Amino acid sequence: MIDVAISTGKPSNNCGEILGVVEFGGQARKPDLDAGYPTVGIAMGDPSHGHVCETWTSTSEVSTGRQGDIVYGHDRTHLFGALQLPPSDRYRDATRTAYRQLLALISDLDYPHLVRMWNYIPDINRPNCEGLEIYRDFCQGRAEGFGGAGAAMASRLSAATGVGSRGGGIMIYFIAERSGTPVHFESPRQVPAHQYPRAYGPRSPSFSRATFLPASKKLFLSGTASIVGHRSVNLEYLEGQCDTTLENIRVLLEYISRKSDATVDLDSFSLLKVYVRHESDALYVRKRLGGAVAPGVPIEIFNTDICRSELLLEVEGVLDMNVPDHHGDTK
């Protein structure tokens, strides 16, 4: 089984061997194996604020390695990997290459099921050298990278996050799995991201709203924001965006419970990561989310840009699902 914990200052390995560590701090750090496990640094705030470690652990023995630009750790059931795209004024080609490398790695090591992906993109809302917003530039390359895997890839798109960072090029990290097939979910309130109309860029974002990993009985929630259908709502209105985001999450979890014959709701969160565009909004957002989930759930808030310039916050998380013995079934 795998687990994840958030800690301040240094990695937490109380739950087993380390698969990988993500450090959120003042500076980007190219993925490496210097500590004996994969470590990647995301530039996500003022260095005076210190840094936060997201530690992925396994209850099994972990081996590490490098293939191309990717460093990885794996335990014969789960794979953690990370890579960097150097700073550029255009990311499409590098992103396409990176995703093809990623797909080649999970194939070569026999971890064919993507479970969760994160993409941290500097200057995400600014235009690239050709005038295309950098996020749309990135999405074009990502879709082309996935496109090389065939038409069936759309049904295998995992939960994912794509938000801003404060420099160091694009940082990508991911979880893949070997033995059991993850179950991917879309939201009844939202158009699947890979079906967004062309108004949102040359190629749509490539992710599902949530992914359930039966091997660890965990549900991974994608970055979720104030979007209904495919449109942003409650523009520039923080309270309304919080309301819509929480309602999107609630409805999605109810839908997943029905489809999987499981129990999962807002009280099932074991970890929340929240991205707010304006630092001054962080206190309000923490209070709203803290009041919506079970007491004691770790909530880590980062001040950064969101994938759409009108959005003020985005929420992602990990949930523990209460599932029956036939947890692999869906209705």
C-alpha atoms as a PDB file:
ATOM      1  CA  MET A   1       0.000   0.000   0.000  1.00  0.00           C
ATOM      2  CA  ILE A   2       1.029   3.601  -0.473  1.00  0.00           C
ATOM      3  CA  ASP A   3       0.358   6.631   1.678  1.00  0.00           C
ATOM      4  CA  VAL A   4       1.143  10.338   1.633  1.00  0.00           C
ATOM      5  CA  ALA A   5       1.860  12.850   4.392  1.00  0.00           C
ATOM      6  CA  ILE A   6       2.519  16.582   4.511  1.00  0.00           C
ATOM      7  CA  SER A   7       5.153  17.909   6.917  1.00  0.00           C
ATOM      8  CA  THR A   8       7.088  21.110   7.473  1.00  0.00           C
ATOM      9  CA  GLY A   9      10.847  21.233   7.034  1.00  0.00           C
ATOM     10  CA  LYS A  10      11.777  17.627   6.311  1.00  0.00           C
ATOM     11  CA  PRO A  11      10.262  14.455   4.813  1.00  0.00           C
ATOM     12  CA  SER A  12       8.069  12.245   6.982  1.00  0.00           C
ATOM     13  CA  ASN A  13       8.784   8.515   6.725  1.00  0.00           C
ATOM     14  CA  ASN A  14       6.805   7.194   9.671  1.00  0.00           C
ATOM     15  CA  CYS A  15       4.653   5.012   7.435  1.00  0.00           C
ATOM     16  CA  GLY A  16       7.284   2.976   5.583  1.00  0.00           C
ATOM     17  CA  GLU A  17       9.888   3.326   2.877  1.00  0.00           C
ATOM     18  CA  ILE A  18       9.989   6.514   0.823  1.00  0.00           C
ATOM     19  CA  LEU A  19       8.835   6.314  -2.803  1.00  0.00           C
ATOM     20  CA  GLY A  20       9.370  10.017  -3.445  1.00  0.00           C
ATOM     21  CA  VAL A  21       9.403  13.483  -1.887  1.00  0.00           C
ATOM     22  CA  VAL A  22       8.080  16.780  -3.250  1.00  0.00           C
ATOM     23  CA  GLU A  23       9.461  19.906  -1.579  1.00  0.00           C
ATOM     24  CA  PHE A  24       7.388  23.089  -1.895  1.00  0.00           C
ATOM     25  CA  GLY A  25       9.560  26.085  -1.108  1.00  0.00           C
ATOM     26  CA  GLY A  26      11.228  29.190  -2.384  1.00  0.00           C
ATOM     27  CA  GLN A  27      13.296  27.572  -5.133  1.00  0.00           C
ATOM     28  CA  ALA A  28      12.820  24.933  -7.785  1.00  0.00           C
ATOM     29  CA  ARG A  29      14.974  21.827  -7.504  1.00  0.00           C
ATOM     30  CA  LYS A  30      15.618  19.538 -10.430  1.00  0.00           C
ATOM     31  CA  PRO A  31      14.541  15.952  -9.634  1.00  0.00           C
ATOM     32  CA  ASP A  32      17.411  13.860  -8.251  1.00  0.00           C
ATOM     33  CA  LEU A  33      18.249  10.768  -6.216  1.00  0.00           C
ATOM     34  CA  ASP A  34      20.788  12.415  -3.911  1.00  0.00           C
ATOM     35  CA  ALA A  35      18.864  11.503  -0.745  1.00  0.00           C
ATOM     36  CA  GLY A  36      18.477   7.878  -1.841  1.00  0.00           C
ATOM     37  CA  TYR A  37      14.952   8.439  -3.152  1.00  0.00           C
ATOM     38  CA  PRO A  38      13.433  10.741  -5.809  1.00  0.00           C
ATOM     39  CA  THR A  39      13.180  14.359  -4.674  1.00  0.00           C
ATOM     40  CA  VAL A  40      11.785  17.285  -6.653  1.00  0.00           C
ATOM     41  CA  GLY A  41      11.509  20.917  -5.569  1.00  0.00           C
ATOM     42  CA  ILE A  42       8.599  23.168  -6.589  1.00  0.00           C
ATOM     43  CA  ALA A  43       9.023  26.951  -6.368  1.00  0.00           C
ATOM     44  CA  MET A  44       5.804  27.842  -4.599  1.00  0.00           C
ATOM     45  CA  GLY A  45       6.377  30.706  -2.191  1.00  0.00           C
ATOM     46  CA  ASP A  46       8.538  33.168  -0.323  1.00  0.00           C
ATOM     47  CA  PRO A  47      11.699  31.410   0.961  1.00  0.00           C
ATOM     48  CA  SER A  48      11.143  33.075   4.359  1.00  0.00           C
ATOM     49  CA  HIS A  49       8.029  30.911   4.774  1.00  0.00           C
ATOM     50  CA  GLY A  50      10.141  27.749   4.877  1.00  0.00           C
ATOM     51  CA  HIS A  51       9.203  24.709   2.873  1.00  0.00           C
ATOM     52  CA  VAL A  52       6.651  21.924   2.992  1.00  0.00           C
ATOM     53  CA  CYS A  53       7.402  18.287   2.171  1.00  0.00           C
ATOM     54  CA  GLU A  54       4.902  15.945   0.564  1.00  0.00           C
ATOM     55  CA  THR A  55       6.200  12.428   1.251  1.00  0.00           C
ATOM     56  CA  TRP A  56       4.952   9.350  -0.584  1.00  0.00           C
ATOM     57  CA  THR A  57       5.664   6.110   1.248  1.00  0.00           C
ATOM     58  CA  SER A  58       5.151   2.400   0.724  1.00  0.00           C
ATOM     59  CA  THR A  59       4.783  -0.539   3.094  1.00  0.00           C
ATOM     60  CA  SER A  60       6.994  -2.573   0.695  1.00  0.00           C
ATOM     61  CA  GLU A  61      10.679  -2.375  -0.178  1.00  0.00           C
ATOM     62  CA  VAL A  62      11.476   0.447  -2.603  1.00  0.00           C
ATOM     63  CA  SER A  63      14.003   0.496  -5.459  1.00  0.00           C
ATOM     64  CA  THR A  64      15.061   3.632  -7.330  1.00  0.00           C
ATOM     65  CA  GLY A  65      16.420   4.494 -10.752  1.00  0.00           C
ATOM     66  CA  ARG A  66      16.635   6.937 -13.631  1.00  0.00           C
ATOM     67  CA  GLN A  67      15.482   6.653 -17.233  1.00  0.00           C
ATOM     68  CA  GLY A  68      16.090   9.598 -19.521  1.00  0.00           C
ATOM     69  CA  ASP A  69      14.984  12.734 -17.685  1.00  0.00           C
ATOM     70  CA  ILE A  70      12.846  10.856 -15.149  1.00  0.00           C
ATOM     71  CA  VAL A  71      13.934   9.777 -11.664  1.00  0.00           C
ATOM     72  CA  TYR A  72      11.733   7.199 -10.012  1.00  0.00           C
ATOM     73  CA  GLY A  73      11.074   4.947  -7.034  1.00  0.00           C
ATOM     74  CA  HIS A  74       8.977   1.786  -7.141  1.00  0.00           C
ATOM     75  CA  ASP A  75       7.873  -1.081  -4.901  1.00  0.00           C
ATOM     76  CA  ARG A  76       6.667  -3.668  -7.468  1.00  0.00           C
ATOM     77  CA  THR A  77       3.126  -2.340  -7.143  1.00  0.00           C
ATOM     78  CA  HIS A  78       3.435   1.471  -7.290  1.00  0.00           C
ATOM     79  CA  LEU A  79       5.736   3.803  -9.180  1.00  0.00           C
ATOM     80  CA  PHE A  80       6.565   7.428  -8.288  1.00  0.00           C
ATOM     81  CA  GLY A  81       8.357   9.480 -10.946  1.00  0.00           C
ATOM     82  CA  ALA A  82       9.400  13.098 -11.478  1.00  0.00           C
ATOM     83  CA  LEU A  83      10.952  15.184 -14.256  1.00  0.00           C
ATOM     84  CA  GLN A  84      11.623  18.810 -15.174  1.00  0.00           C
ATOM     85  CA  LEU A  85      11.117  20.776 -18.363  1.00  0.00           C
ATOM     86  CA  PRO A  86      13.693  23.613 -18.388  1.00  0.00           C
ATOM     87  CA  PRO A  87      12.405  27.216 -18.561  1.00  0.00           C
ATOM     88  CA  SER A  88      11.346  28.140 -22.082  1.00  0.00           C
ATOM     89  CA  ASP A  89       9.277  30.661 -24.016  1.00  0.00           C
ATOM     90  CA  ARG A  90       7.344  27.763 -25.611  1.00  0.00           C
ATOM     91  CA  TYR A  91       6.594  24.399 -23.985  1.00  0.00           C
ATOM     92  CA  ARG A  92       4.587  22.417 -26.524  1.00  0.00           C
ATOM     93  CA  ASP A  93       7.410  20.341 -27.995  1.00  0.00           C
ATOM     94  CA  ALA A  94       9.168  19.703 -24.676  1.00  0.00           C
ATOM     95  CA  THR A  95       5.874  18.698 -23.046  1.00  0.00           C
ATOM     96  CA  ARG A  96       5.061  16.259 -25.843  1.00  0.00           C
ATOM     97  CA  THR A  97       8.516  14.682 -25.469  1.00  0.00           C
ATOM     98  CA  ALA A  98       8.203  14.537 -21.681  1.00  0.00           C
ATOM     99  CA  TYR A  99       4.866  12.750 -21.768  1.00  0.00           C
ATOM    100  CA  ARG A 100       6.130  10.273 -24.324  1.00  0.00           C
ATOM    101  CA  GLN A 101       9.086   9.587 -22.017  1.00  0.00           C
ATOM    102  CA  LEU A 102       6.664   9.091 -19.144  1.00  0.00           C
ATOM    103  CA  LEU A 103       4.525   6.632 -21.094  1.00  0.00           C
ATOM    104  CA  ALA A 104       7.642   4.772 -22.243  1.00  0.00           C
ATOM    105  CA  LEU A 105       8.835   4.471 -18.626  1.00  0.00           C
ATOM    106  CA  ILE A 106       5.589   3.062 -17.247  1.00  0.00           C
ATOM    107  CA  SER A 107       5.527   0.594 -20.142  1.00  0.00           C
ATOM    108  CA  ASP A 108       9.172  -0.462 -19.770  1.00  0.00           C
ATOM    109  CA  LEU A 109       8.863  -0.961 -15.995  1.00  0.00           C
ATOM    110  CA  ASP A 110       5.415  -2.581 -16.301  1.00  0.00           C
ATOM    111  CA  TYR A 111       3.404  -0.019 -14.322  1.00  0.00           C
ATOM    112  CA  PRO A 112       0.830   0.553 -17.071  1.00  0.00           C
ATOM    113  CA  HIS A 113      -1.877   2.347 -15.059  1.00  0.00           C
ATOM    114  CA  LEU A 114      -1.506   6.071 -14.408  1.00  0.00           C
ATOM    115  CA  VAL A 115      -3.166   6.988 -11.119  1.00  0.00           C
ATOM    116  CA  ARG A 116      -2.283  10.632 -10.427  1.00  0.00           C
ATOM    117  CA  MET A 117      -0.337  13.440 -12.108  1.00  0.00           C
ATOM    118  CA  TRP A 118       0.795  16.919 -11.079  1.00  0.00           C
ATOM    119  CA  ASN A 119       2.046  19.697 -13.369  1.00  0.00           C
ATOM    120  CA  TYR A 120       3.478  22.927 -11.924  1.00  0.00           C
ATOM    121  CA  ILE A 121       3.821  25.547 -14.636  1.00  0.00           C
ATOM    122  CA  PRO A 122       5.516  28.950 -14.192  1.00  0.00           C
ATOM    123  CA  ASP A 123       3.764  31.995 -15.679  1.00  0.00           C
ATOM    124  CA  ILE A 124       0.810  29.740 -16.434  1.00  0.00           C
ATOM    125  CA  ASN A 125      -1.528  32.566 -17.506  1.00  0.00           C
ATOM    126  CA  ARG A 126       0.975  34.578 -19.539  1.00  0.00           C
ATOM    127  CA  PRO A 127       1.392  34.342 -23.321  1.00  0.00           C
ATOM    128  CA  ASN A 128       4.278  32.346 -24.761  1.00  0.00           C
ATOM    129  CA  CYS A 129       6.519  33.632 -27.548  1.00  0.00           C
ATOM    130  CA  GLU A 130       3.726  32.977 -30.087  1.00  0.00           C
ATOM    131  CA  GLY A 131       1.013  34.738 -28.070  1.00  0.00           C
ATOM    132  CA  LEU A 132      -0.653  31.531 -26.832  1.00  0.00           C
ATOM    133  CA  GLU A 133      -1.296  31.276 -23.082  1.00  0.00           C
ATOM    134  CA  ILE A 134       1.363  29.052 -21.527  1.00  0.00           C
ATOM    135  CA  TYR A 135      -1.210  26.699 -19.991  1.00  0.00           C
ATOM    136  CA  ARG A 136      -2.800  26.176 -23.411  1.00  0.00           C
ATOM    137  CA  ASP A 137       0.654  25.723 -24.904  1.00  0.00           C
ATOM    138  CA  PHE A 138       1.340  23.044 -22.269  1.00  0.00           C
ATOM    139  CA  CYS A 139      -2.034  21.342 -22.820  1.00  0.00           C
ATOM    140  CA  GLN A 140      -1.343  21.088 -26.531  1.00  0.00           C
ATOM    141  CA  GLY A 141       1.943  19.291 -25.925  1.00  0.00           C
ATOM    142  CA  ARG A 142       0.416  17.027 -23.257  1.00  0.00           C
ATOM    143  CA  ALA A 143      -2.452  15.987 -25.537  1.00  0.00           C
ATOM    144  CA  GLU A 144      -0.013  15.233 -28.333  1.00  0.00           C
ATOM    145  CA  GLY A 145       2.139  13.184 -25.967  1.00  0.00           C
ATOM    146  CA  PHE A 146      -0.863  11.154 -24.856  1.00  0.00           C
ATOM    147  CA  GLY A 147      -2.125  10.985 -28.443  1.00  0.00           C
ATOM    148  CA  GLY A 148       0.796   8.779 -29.402  1.00  0.00           C
ATOM    149  CA  ALA A 149      -0.610   6.131 -27.041  1.00  0.00           C
ATOM    150  CA  GLY A 150      -3.713   5.641 -29.199  1.00  0.00           C
ATOM    151  CA  ALA A 151      -7.381   6.610 -29.088  1.00  0.00           C
ATOM    152  CA  ALA A 152      -8.067   4.440 -26.017  1.00  0.00           C
ATOM    153  CA  MET A 153      -5.958   6.799 -23.882  1.00  0.00           C
ATOM    154  CA  ALA A 154      -8.971   9.086 -23.303  1.00  0.00           C
ATOM    155  CA  SER A 155     -10.616   6.383 -21.176  1.00  0.00           C
ATOM    156  CA  ARG A 156      -7.408   5.942 -19.144  1.00  0.00           C
ATOM    157  CA  LEU A 157      -6.736   9.586 -18.266  1.00  0.00           C
ATOM    158  CA  SER A 158      -5.981   9.870 -14.564  1.00  0.00           C
ATOM    159  CA  ALA A 159      -6.692  12.518 -11.971  1.00  0.00           C
ATOM    160  CA  ALA A 160      -4.345  15.478 -12.416  1.00  0.00           C
ATOM    161  CA  THR A 161      -3.470  18.980 -11.296  1.00  0.00           C
ATOM    162  CA  GLY A 162      -2.128  21.802 -13.450  1.00  0.00           C
ATOM    163  CA  VAL A 163      -1.411  25.053 -11.595  1.00  0.00           C
ATOM    164  CA  GLY A 164       1.168  27.799 -11.515  1.00  0.00           C
ATOM    165  CA  SER A 165       4.565  27.937  -9.855  1.00  0.00           C
ATOM    166  CA  ARG A 166       7.200  30.630  -9.338  1.00  0.00           C
ATOM    167  CA  GLY A 167       9.901  29.533 -11.744  1.00  0.00           C
ATOM    168  CA  GLY A 168      12.282  26.719 -12.544  1.00  0.00           C
ATOM    169  CA  GLY A 169      10.499  25.399 -15.613  1.00  0.00           C
ATOM    170  CA  ILE A 170       7.626  22.927 -15.603  1.00  0.00           C
ATOM    171  CA  MET A 171       7.830  20.273 -12.881  1.00  0.00           C
ATOM    172  CA  ILE A 172       5.907  17.037 -13.391  1.00  0.00           C
ATOM    173  CA  TYR A 173       5.468  14.181 -10.974  1.00  0.00           C
ATOM    174  CA  PHE A 174       3.165  11.173 -11.089  1.00  0.00           C
ATOM    175  CA  ILE A 175       1.987   7.911  -9.532  1.00  0.00           C
ATOM    176  CA  ALA A 176       1.461   4.766 -11.621  1.00  0.00           C
ATOM    177  CA  GLU A 177       0.329   1.294 -10.584  1.00  0.00           C
ATOM    178  CA  ARG A 178       0.923  -2.268 -11.723  1.00  0.00           C
ATOM    179  CA  SER A 179      -1.399  -4.884 -10.298  1.00  0.00           C
ATOM    180  CA  GLY A 180      -4.901  -3.432 -10.239  1.00  0.00           C
ATOM    181  CA  THR A 181      -6.738  -1.225 -12.698  1.00  0.00           C
ATOM    182  CA  PRO A 182      -7.560   2.248 -11.333  1.00  0.00           C
ATOM    183  CA  VAL A 183     -11.102   3.523 -11.839  1.00  0.00           C
ATOM    184  CA  HIS A 184     -11.441   7.028 -13.280  1.00  0.00           C
ATOM    185  CA  PHE A 185     -14.479   9.251 -12.691  1.00  0.00           C
ATOM    186  CA  GLU A 186     -16.029  12.315 -14.290  1.00  0.00           C
ATOM    187  CA  SER A 187     -18.348  14.793 -12.585  1.00  0.00           C
ATOM    188  CA  PRO A 188     -22.087  15.069 -13.290  1.00  0.00           C
ATOM    189  CA  ARG A 189     -21.733  18.857 -12.942  1.00  0.00           C
ATOM    190  CA  GLN A 190     -18.822  19.309 -15.309  1.00  0.00           C
ATOM    191  CA  VAL A 191     -17.936  18.550 -18.902  1.00  0.00           C
ATOM    192  CA  PRO A 192     -15.018  16.078 -19.035  1.00  0.00           C
ATOM    193  CA  ALA A 193     -11.904  18.222 -19.418  1.00  0.00           C
ATOM    194  CA  HIS A 194     -10.753  16.336 -22.519  1.00  0.00           C
ATOM    195  CA  GLN A 195     -14.063  17.350 -24.174  1.00  0.00           C
ATOM    196  CA  TYR A 196     -13.806  21.103 -23.531  1.00  0.00           C
ATOM    197  CA  PRO A 197     -14.698  23.224 -26.579  1.00  0.00           C
ATOM    198  CA  ARG A 198     -11.930  24.759 -28.652  1.00  0.00           C
ATOM    199  CA  ALA A 199     -12.510  28.133 -26.996  1.00  0.00           C
ATOM    200  CA  TYR A 200     -10.184  26.895 -24.219  1.00  0.00           C
ATOM    201  CA  GLY A 201      -7.244  26.277 -26.528  1.00  0.00           C
ATOM    202  CA  PRO A 202      -6.009  24.184 -29.476  1.00  0.00           C
ATOM    203  CA  ARG A 203      -6.165  20.990 -27.378  1.00  0.00           C
ATOM    204  CA  SER A 204      -8.249  20.280 -24.304  1.00  0.00           C
ATOM    205  CA  PRO A 205      -6.749  19.471 -20.889  1.00  0.00           C
ATOM    206  CA  SER A 206      -6.070  15.735 -20.460  1.00  0.00           C
ATOM    207  CA  PHE A 207      -7.296  14.447 -17.090  1.00  0.00           C
ATOM    208  CA  SER A 208     -10.240  12.890 -15.239  1.00  0.00           C
ATOM    209  CA  ARG A 209     -11.940  14.438 -12.193  1.00  0.00           C
ATOM    210  CA  ALA A 210     -10.921  11.659  -9.790  1.00  0.00           C
ATOM    211  CA  THR A 211      -9.160   8.296  -9.737  1.00  0.00           C
ATOM    212  CA  PHE A 212      -9.758   5.428  -7.321  1.00  0.00           C
ATOM    213  CA  LEU A 213      -6.817   3.139  -6.547  1.00  0.00           C
ATOM    214  CA  PRO A 214      -8.204  -0.204  -5.303  1.00  0.00           C
ATOM    215  CA  ALA A 215      -4.784  -1.448  -4.127  1.00  0.00           C
ATOM    216  CA  SER A 216      -4.670   1.246  -1.420  1.00  0.00           C
ATOM    217  CA  LYS A 217      -8.404   2.066  -1.176  1.00  0.00           C
ATOM    218  CA  LYS A 218      -7.583   5.698  -1.902  1.00  0.00           C
ATOM    219  CA  LEU A 219      -9.382   8.206  -4.047  1.00  0.00           C
ATOM    220  CA  PHE A 220      -7.339  10.962  -5.682  1.00  0.00           C
ATOM    221  CA  LEU A 221      -9.277  14.156  -6.373  1.00  0.00           C
ATOM    222  CA  SER A 222      -8.081  16.290  -9.259  1.00  0.00           C
ATOM    223  CA  GLY A 223      -7.670  20.014  -8.980  1.00  0.00           C
ATOM    224  CA  THR A 224     -11.255  21.282  -8.614  1.00  0.00           C
ATOM    225  CA  ALA A 225     -12.400  24.873  -9.025  1.00  0.00           C
ATOM    226  CA  SER A 226     -15.461  27.047  -9.612  1.00  0.00           C
ATOM    227  CA  ILE A 227     -16.410  25.543 -12.974  1.00  0.00           C
ATOM    228  CA  VAL A 228     -19.894  24.304 -13.928  1.00  0.00           C
ATOM    229  CA  GLY A 229     -20.199  22.561 -17.259  1.00  0.00           C
ATOM    230  CA  HIS A 230     -17.099  24.020 -18.853  1.00  0.00           C
ATOM    231  CA  ARG A 231     -17.581  27.638 -17.766  1.00  0.00           C
ATOM    232  CA  SER A 232     -16.016  29.475 -14.836  1.00  0.00           C
ATOM    233  CA  VAL A 233     -18.676  30.905 -12.491  1.00  0.00           C
ATOM    234  CA  ASN A 234     -18.752  33.484  -9.687  1.00  0.00           C
ATOM    235  CA  LEU A 235     -15.996  35.471 -11.364  1.00  0.00           C
ATOM    236  CA  GLU A 236     -13.862  37.467  -8.942  1.00  0.00           C
ATOM    237  CA  TYR A 237     -16.209  36.477  -6.076  1.00  0.00           C
ATOM    238  CA  LEU A 238     -14.282  34.432  -3.522  1.00  0.00           C
ATOM    239  CA  GLU A 239     -17.199  33.254  -1.375  1.00  0.00           C
ATOM    240  CA  GLY A 240     -19.124  32.112  -4.438  1.00  0.00           C
ATOM    241  CA  GLN A 241     -16.112  30.318  -5.862  1.00  0.00           C
ATOM    242  CA  CYS A 242     -15.645  28.481  -2.555  1.00  0.00           C
ATOM    243  CA  ASP A 243     -19.334  27.517  -2.571  1.00  0.00           C
ATOM    244  CA  THR A 244     -19.175  26.171  -6.129  1.00  0.00           C
ATOM    245  CA  THR A 245     -15.908  24.326  -5.590  1.00  0.00           C
ATOM    246  CA  LEU A 246     -17.224  22.574  -2.484  1.00  0.00           C
ATOM    247  CA  GLU A 247     -20.485  21.731  -4.233  1.00  0.00           C
ATOM    248  CA  ASN A 248     -18.557  20.268  -7.177  1.00  0.00           C
ATOM    249  CA  ILE A 249     -16.598  18.082  -4.778  1.00  0.00           C
ATOM    250  CA  ARG A 250     -19.708  17.021  -2.828  1.00  0.00           C
ATOM    251  CA  VAL A 251     -21.639  16.057  -5.963  1.00  0.00           C
ATOM    252  CA  LEU A 252     -18.665  14.172  -7.409  1.00  0.00           C
ATOM    253  CA  LEU A 253     -18.173  12.188  -4.198  1.00  0.00           C
ATOM    254  CA  GLU A 254     -21.873  11.299  -4.068  1.00  0.00           C
ATOM    255  CA  TYR A 255     -21.661  10.109  -7.675  1.00  0.00           C
ATOM    256  CA  ILE A 256     -18.553   8.021  -6.950  1.00  0.00           C
ATOM    257  CA  SER A 257     -20.269   6.439  -3.936  1.00  0.00           C
ATOM    258  CA  ARG A 258     -23.201   5.374  -6.110  1.00  0.00           C
ATOM    259  CA  LYS A 259     -21.045   4.083  -8.940  1.00  0.00           C
ATOM    260  CA  SER A 260     -18.650   2.127  -6.736  1.00  0.00           C
ATOM    261  CA  ASP A 261     -21.084   1.030  -4.007  1.00  0.00           C
ATOM    262  CA  ALA A 262     -18.637   2.616  -1.561  1.00  0.00           C
ATOM    263  CA  THR A 263     -18.806   5.312   1.076  1.00  0.00           C
ATOM    264  CA  VAL A 264     -16.864   8.487   0.405  1.00  0.00           C
ATOM    265  CA  ASP A 265     -17.768  12.046   1.346  1.00  0.00           C
ATOM    266  CA  LEU A 266     -16.224  15.274   2.607  1.00  0.00           C
ATOM    267  CA  ASP A 267     -15.373  13.584   5.905  1.00  0.00           C
ATOM    268  CA  SER A 268     -13.244  11.015   4.022  1.00  0.00           C
ATOM    269  CA  PHE A 269     -10.412  13.440   3.234  1.00  0.00           C
ATOM    270  CA  SER A 270      -7.014  12.522   4.657  1.00  0.00           C
ATOM    271  CA  LEU A 271      -5.211  15.439   2.962  1.00  0.00           C
ATOM    272  CA  LEU A 272      -6.145  18.685   1.194  1.00  0.00           C
ATOM    273  CA  LYS A 273      -3.901  20.869  -0.948  1.00  0.00           C
ATOM    274  CA  VAL A 274      -5.318  24.241  -1.899  1.00  0.00           C
ATOM    275  CA  TYR A 275      -4.019  26.838  -4.327  1.00  0.00           C
ATOM    276  CA  VAL A 276      -5.142  30.467  -3.934  1.00  0.00           C
ATOM    277  CA  ARG A 277      -4.386  33.225  -6.397  1.00  0.00           C
ATOM    278  CA  HIS A 278      -4.243  35.990  -3.773  1.00  0.00           C
ATOM    279  CA  GLU A 279      -2.386  35.433  -0.512  1.00  0.00           C
ATOM    280  CA  SER A 280      -4.903  37.651   1.279  1.00  0.00           C
ATOM    281  CA  ASP A 281      -7.610  35.031   0.551  1.00  0.00           C
ATOM    282  CA  ALA A 282      -5.771  32.184   2.274  1.00  0.00           C
ATOM    283  CA  LEU A 283      -7.223  32.706   5.760  1.00  0.00           C
ATOM    284  CA  TYR A 284     -10.823  32.750   4.527  1.00  0.00           C
ATOM    285  CA  VAL A 285     -10.280  29.701   2.307  1.00  0.00           C
ATOM    286  CA  ARG A 286      -8.688  27.738   5.135  1.00  0.00           C
ATOM    287  CA  LYS A 287     -11.623  28.530   7.420  1.00  0.00           C
ATOM    288  CA  ARG A 288     -14.211  27.518   4.797  1.00  0.00           C
ATOM    289  CA  LEU A 289     -12.506  24.235   3.938  1.00  0.00           C
ATOM    290  CA  GLY A 290     -11.675  23.444   7.538  1.00  0.00           C
ATOM    291  CA  GLY A 291     -15.353  23.754   8.372  1.00  0.00           C
ATOM    292  CA  ALA A 292     -16.366  21.480   5.495  1.00  0.00           C
ATOM    293  CA  VAL A 293     -14.129  18.461   6.189  1.00  0.00           C
ATOM    294  CA  ALA A 294     -13.513  16.344   9.279  1.00  0.00           C
ATOM    295  CA  PRO A 295     -11.563  17.992  12.129  1.00  0.00           C
ATOM    296  CA  GLY A 296      -7.827  17.467  11.990  1.00  0.00           C
ATOM    297  CA  VAL A 297      -7.513  16.931   8.238  1.00  0.00           C
ATOM    298  CA  PRO A 298      -4.205  18.491   7.090  1.00  0.00           C
ATOM    299  CA  ILE A 299      -4.885  21.484   4.821  1.00  0.00           C
ATOM    300  CA  GLU A 300      -1.891  22.978   3.029  1.00  0.00           C
ATOM    301  CA  ILE A 301      -2.457  26.257   1.195  1.00  0.00           C
ATOM    302  CA  PHE A 302      -0.170  27.591  -1.531  1.00  0.00           C
ATOM    303  CA  ASN A 303      -0.259  31.053  -3.098  1.00  0.00           C
ATOM    304  CA  THR A 304       0.048  30.692  -6.868  1.00  0.00           C
ATOM    305  CA  ASP A 305      -1.738  31.266 -10.164  1.00  0.00           C
ATOM    306  CA  ILE A 306      -4.580  28.969 -11.279  1.00  0.00           C
ATOM    307  CA  CYS A 307      -5.030  27.508 -14.777  1.00  0.00           C
ATOM    308  CA  ARG A 308      -7.724  30.084 -15.655  1.00  0.00           C
ATOM    309  CA  SER A 309      -6.952  33.698 -14.867  1.00  0.00           C
ATOM    310  CA  GLU A 310     -10.440  34.365 -13.466  1.00  0.00           C
ATOM    311  CA  LEU A 311     -10.286  31.534 -10.918  1.00  0.00           C
ATOM    312  CA  LEU A 312      -9.307  32.406  -7.347  1.00  0.00           C
ATOM    313  CA  LEU A 313      -8.757  28.947  -5.871  1.00  0.00           C
ATOM    314  CA  GLU A 314      -8.332  25.287  -6.738  1.00  0.00           C
ATOM    315  CA  VAL A 315      -8.654  22.298  -4.399  1.00  0.00           C
ATOM    316  CA  GLU A 316      -7.199  18.791  -4.651  1.00  0.00           C
ATOM    317  CA  GLY A 317      -6.981  15.983  -2.155  1.00  0.00           C
ATOM    318  CA  VAL A 318      -6.619  12.374  -1.098  1.00  0.00           C
ATOM    319  CA  LEU A 319      -9.542  10.480   0.429  1.00  0.00           C
ATOM    320  CA  ASP A 320      -9.813   7.118   2.171  1.00  0.00           C
ATOM    321  CA  MET A 321     -12.675   5.110   0.697  1.00  0.00           C
ATOM    322  CA  ASN A 322     -14.771   2.728   2.752  1.00  0.00           C
ATOM    323  CA  VAL A 323     -15.294  -0.033   0.185  1.00  0.00           C
ATOM    324  CA  PRO A 324     -16.944  -3.462   0.287  1.00  0.00           C
ATOM    325  CA  ASP A 325     -15.108  -6.628  -0.736  1.00  0.00           C
ATOM    326  CA  HIS A 326     -16.256  -6.198  -4.341  1.00  0.00           C
ATOM    327  CA  HIS A 327     -14.575  -2.768  -4.508  1.00  0.00           C
ATOM    328  CA  GLY A 328     -13.440  -3.230  -8.104  1.00  0.00           C
ATOM    329  CA  ASP A 329     -17.052  -3.302  -9.377  1.00  0.00           C
ATOM    330  CA  THR A 330     -18.843  -0.295 -10.762  1.00  0.00           C
ATOM    331  CA  LYS A 331     -22.541  -0.026 -11.556  1.00  0.00           C
END
